[in-house]
Amino acid sequence: MVLEDFLKGIHKSKGGVIRSFLKVDGGTITDITFSGDFFMFPEDAIDSIEEGLKGTAANNEAVLSAVEQVYGSKQIQSPGTTPEDFTISIMQAVGGE
């Protein structure tokens, strides 16, 4: 994956820095990956969030809803980091709120 071709967003949450790298086509997230120094449990939580966001409209409401749904279904714990923090990072990448 060549990250230079991706939109980039960064947000500092209480739990660490969240960097988002995404591609958007027709207003929809087609590919996304995260990096940073935050902690999440279970171990595959970040992969689940990335998969849950693919095909999601690249707007604040849809992104937040998708991340919250994955948090709930996977019982994700992320000390100091919330679904809102991921949403902020993504919205910075797409130039939103």
C-alpha atoms as a PDB file:
ATOM      1  CA  MET A   1       0.000   0.000   0.000  1.00  0.00           C
ATOM      2  CA  VAL A   2       1.412   3.374  -1.016  1.00  0.00           C
ATOM      3  CA  LEU A   3       0.209   5.827   1.614  1.00  0.00           C
ATOM      4  CA  GLU A   4       1.249   8.869  -0.442  1.00  0.00           C
ATOM      5  CA  ASP A   5      -1.875   8.300  -2.544  1.00  0.00           C
ATOM      6  CA  PHE A   6      -4.167   8.448   0.495  1.00  0.00           C
ATOM      7  CA  LEU A   7      -5.882  11.375   2.209  1.00  0.00           C
ATOM      8  CA  LYS A   8      -4.332  11.893   5.635  1.00  0.00           C
ATOM      9  CA  GLY A   9      -5.780  13.029   8.942  1.00  0.00           C
ATOM     10  CA  ILE A  10      -4.309  13.231  12.428  1.00  0.00           C
ATOM     11  CA  HIS A  11      -5.916  13.717  15.814  1.00  0.00           C
ATOM     12  CA  LYS A  12      -4.447  13.651  19.329  1.00  0.00           C
ATOM     13  CA  SER A  13      -6.815  11.892  21.714  1.00  0.00           C
ATOM     14  CA  LYS A  14      -6.246  11.458  25.444  1.00  0.00           C
ATOM     15  CA  GLY A  15      -5.159   7.893  24.631  1.00  0.00           C
ATOM     16  CA  GLY A  16      -2.685   8.796  21.883  1.00  0.00           C
ATOM     17  CA  VAL A  17      -2.281  10.026  18.338  1.00  0.00           C
ATOM     18  CA  ILE A  18      -4.609   8.621  15.668  1.00  0.00           C
ATOM     19  CA  ARG A  19      -3.439   8.889  12.074  1.00  0.00           C
ATOM     20  CA  SER A  20      -5.935   7.974   9.386  1.00  0.00           C
ATOM     21  CA  PHE A  21      -5.095   7.233   5.768  1.00  0.00           C
ATOM     22  CA  LEU A  22      -8.042   6.808   3.436  1.00  0.00           C
ATOM     23  CA  LYS A  23      -9.269   6.783  -0.117  1.00  0.00           C
ATOM     24  CA  VAL A  24     -12.662   8.208  -1.000  1.00  0.00           C
ATOM     25  CA  ASP A  25     -14.505   7.605  -4.259  1.00  0.00           C
ATOM     26  CA  GLY A  26     -17.865   9.202  -4.968  1.00  0.00           C
ATOM     27  CA  GLY A  27     -18.179  10.317  -1.354  1.00  0.00           C
ATOM     28  CA  THR A  28     -17.633   6.773  -0.017  1.00  0.00           C
ATOM     29  CA  ILE A  29     -14.636   5.416   1.896  1.00  0.00           C
ATOM     30  CA  THR A  30     -13.093   2.711  -0.295  1.00  0.00           C
ATOM     31  CA  ASP A  31      -9.924   2.007   1.677  1.00  0.00           C
ATOM     32  CA  ILE A  32      -8.693   3.034   5.116  1.00  0.00           C
ATOM     33  CA  THR A  33      -5.924   2.280   7.550  1.00  0.00           C
ATOM     34  CA  PHE A  34      -4.927   3.707  10.922  1.00  0.00           C
ATOM     35  CA  SER A  35      -1.651   4.126  12.750  1.00  0.00           C
ATOM     36  CA  GLY A  36      -0.657   5.811  15.973  1.00  0.00           C
ATOM     37  CA  ASP A  37       0.268   5.209  19.575  1.00  0.00           C
ATOM     38  CA  PHE A  38      -3.158   4.388  21.020  1.00  0.00           C
ATOM     39  CA  PHE A  39      -4.108   1.042  22.612  1.00  0.00           C
ATOM     40  CA  MET A  40      -7.133  -1.101  21.783  1.00  0.00           C
ATOM     41  CA  PHE A  41      -8.529  -4.424  22.916  1.00  0.00           C
ATOM     42  CA  PRO A  42      -9.224  -6.987  21.538  1.00  0.00           C
ATOM     43  CA  GLU A  43      -6.083  -7.301  19.464  1.00  0.00           C
ATOM     44  CA  ASP A  44      -7.945  -7.191  16.119  1.00  0.00           C
ATOM     45  CA  ALA A  45     -10.039  -4.127  17.061  1.00  0.00           C
ATOM     46  CA  ILE A  46      -8.373  -1.741  14.621  1.00  0.00           C
ATOM     47  CA  ASP A  47      -8.782  -4.218  11.742  1.00  0.00           C
ATOM     48  CA  SER A  48     -12.479  -4.504  12.594  1.00  0.00           C
ATOM     49  CA  ILE A  49     -12.897  -0.717  12.562  1.00  0.00           C
ATOM     50  CA  GLU A  50     -11.119  -0.439   9.206  1.00  0.00           C
ATOM     51  CA  GLU A  51     -13.338  -3.137   7.682  1.00  0.00           C
ATOM     52  CA  GLY A  52     -16.446  -1.555   9.200  1.00  0.00           C
ATOM     53  CA  LEU A  53     -15.645   1.781   7.562  1.00  0.00           C
ATOM     54  CA  LYS A  54     -15.155   0.507   4.012  1.00  0.00           C
ATOM     55  CA  GLY A  55     -18.221   1.420   1.979  1.00  0.00           C
ATOM     56  CA  THR A  56     -19.295   4.077   4.501  1.00  0.00           C
ATOM     57  CA  ALA A  57     -20.222   7.586   3.353  1.00  0.00           C
ATOM     58  CA  ALA A  58     -17.355   9.987   4.119  1.00  0.00           C
ATOM     59  CA  ASN A  59     -19.387  12.283   6.380  1.00  0.00           C
ATOM     60  CA  ASN A  60     -19.300  12.849  10.126  1.00  0.00           C
ATOM     61  CA  GLU A  61     -22.612  11.174  10.974  1.00  0.00           C
ATOM     62  CA  ALA A  62     -22.055   8.009   8.900  1.00  0.00           C
ATOM     63  CA  VAL A  63     -18.442   7.564  10.052  1.00  0.00           C
ATOM     64  CA  LEU A  64     -19.288   8.023  13.734  1.00  0.00           C
ATOM     65  CA  SER A  65     -22.208   5.611  13.440  1.00  0.00           C
ATOM     66  CA  ALA A  66     -20.038   2.954  11.736  1.00  0.00           C
ATOM     67  CA  VAL A  67     -17.256   3.240  14.331  1.00  0.00           C
ATOM     68  CA  GLU A  68     -19.742   3.125  17.222  1.00  0.00           C
ATOM     69  CA  GLN A  69     -21.366   0.019  15.715  1.00  0.00           C
ATOM     70  CA  VAL A  70     -18.015  -1.798  15.545  1.00  0.00           C
ATOM     71  CA  TYR A  71     -17.105  -0.704  19.086  1.00  0.00           C
ATOM     72  CA  GLY A  72     -20.390  -2.177  20.338  1.00  0.00           C
ATOM     73  CA  SER A  73     -20.355  -5.401  18.336  1.00  0.00           C
ATOM     74  CA  LYS A  74     -16.695  -6.197  19.117  1.00  0.00           C
ATOM     75  CA  GLN A  75     -16.815  -4.872  22.708  1.00  0.00           C
ATOM     76  CA  ILE A  76     -13.798  -2.692  21.992  1.00  0.00           C
ATOM     77  CA  GLN A  77     -11.942  -1.063  24.837  1.00  0.00           C
ATOM     78  CA  SER A  78      -9.586   1.805  24.027  1.00  0.00           C
ATOM     79  CA  PRO A  79      -8.408   3.726  27.101  1.00  0.00           C
ATOM     80  CA  GLY A  80      -8.529   7.460  26.365  1.00  0.00           C
ATOM     81  CA  THR A  81      -9.689   6.986  22.773  1.00  0.00           C
ATOM     82  CA  THR A  82     -13.316   7.093  21.610  1.00  0.00           C
ATOM     83  CA  PRO A  83     -15.239   6.578  18.373  1.00  0.00           C
ATOM     84  CA  GLU A  84     -15.422  10.380  18.186  1.00  0.00           C
ATOM     85  CA  ASP A  85     -11.615  10.574  18.127  1.00  0.00           C
ATOM     86  CA  PHE A  86     -11.440   8.240  15.117  1.00  0.00           C
ATOM     87  CA  THR A  87     -14.169  10.281  13.433  1.00  0.00           C
ATOM     88  CA  ILE A  88     -12.268  13.547  13.954  1.00  0.00           C
ATOM     89  CA  SER A  89      -9.127  12.065  12.384  1.00  0.00           C
ATOM     90  CA  ILE A  90     -11.089  10.811   9.368  1.00  0.00           C
ATOM     91  CA  MET A  91     -12.962  14.089   8.909  1.00  0.00           C
ATOM     92  CA  GLN A  92      -9.651  15.975   8.927  1.00  0.00           C
ATOM     93  CA  ALA A  93      -8.477  13.715   6.094  1.00  0.00           C
ATOM     94  CA  VAL A  94     -11.554  14.386   3.955  1.00  0.00           C
ATOM     95  CA  GLY A  95     -11.591  18.086   4.819  1.00  0.00           C
ATOM     96  CA  GLY A  96     -14.788  17.881   6.859  1.00  0.00           C
ATOM     97  CA  GLU A  97     -15.649  19.093  10.331  1.00  0.00           C
END
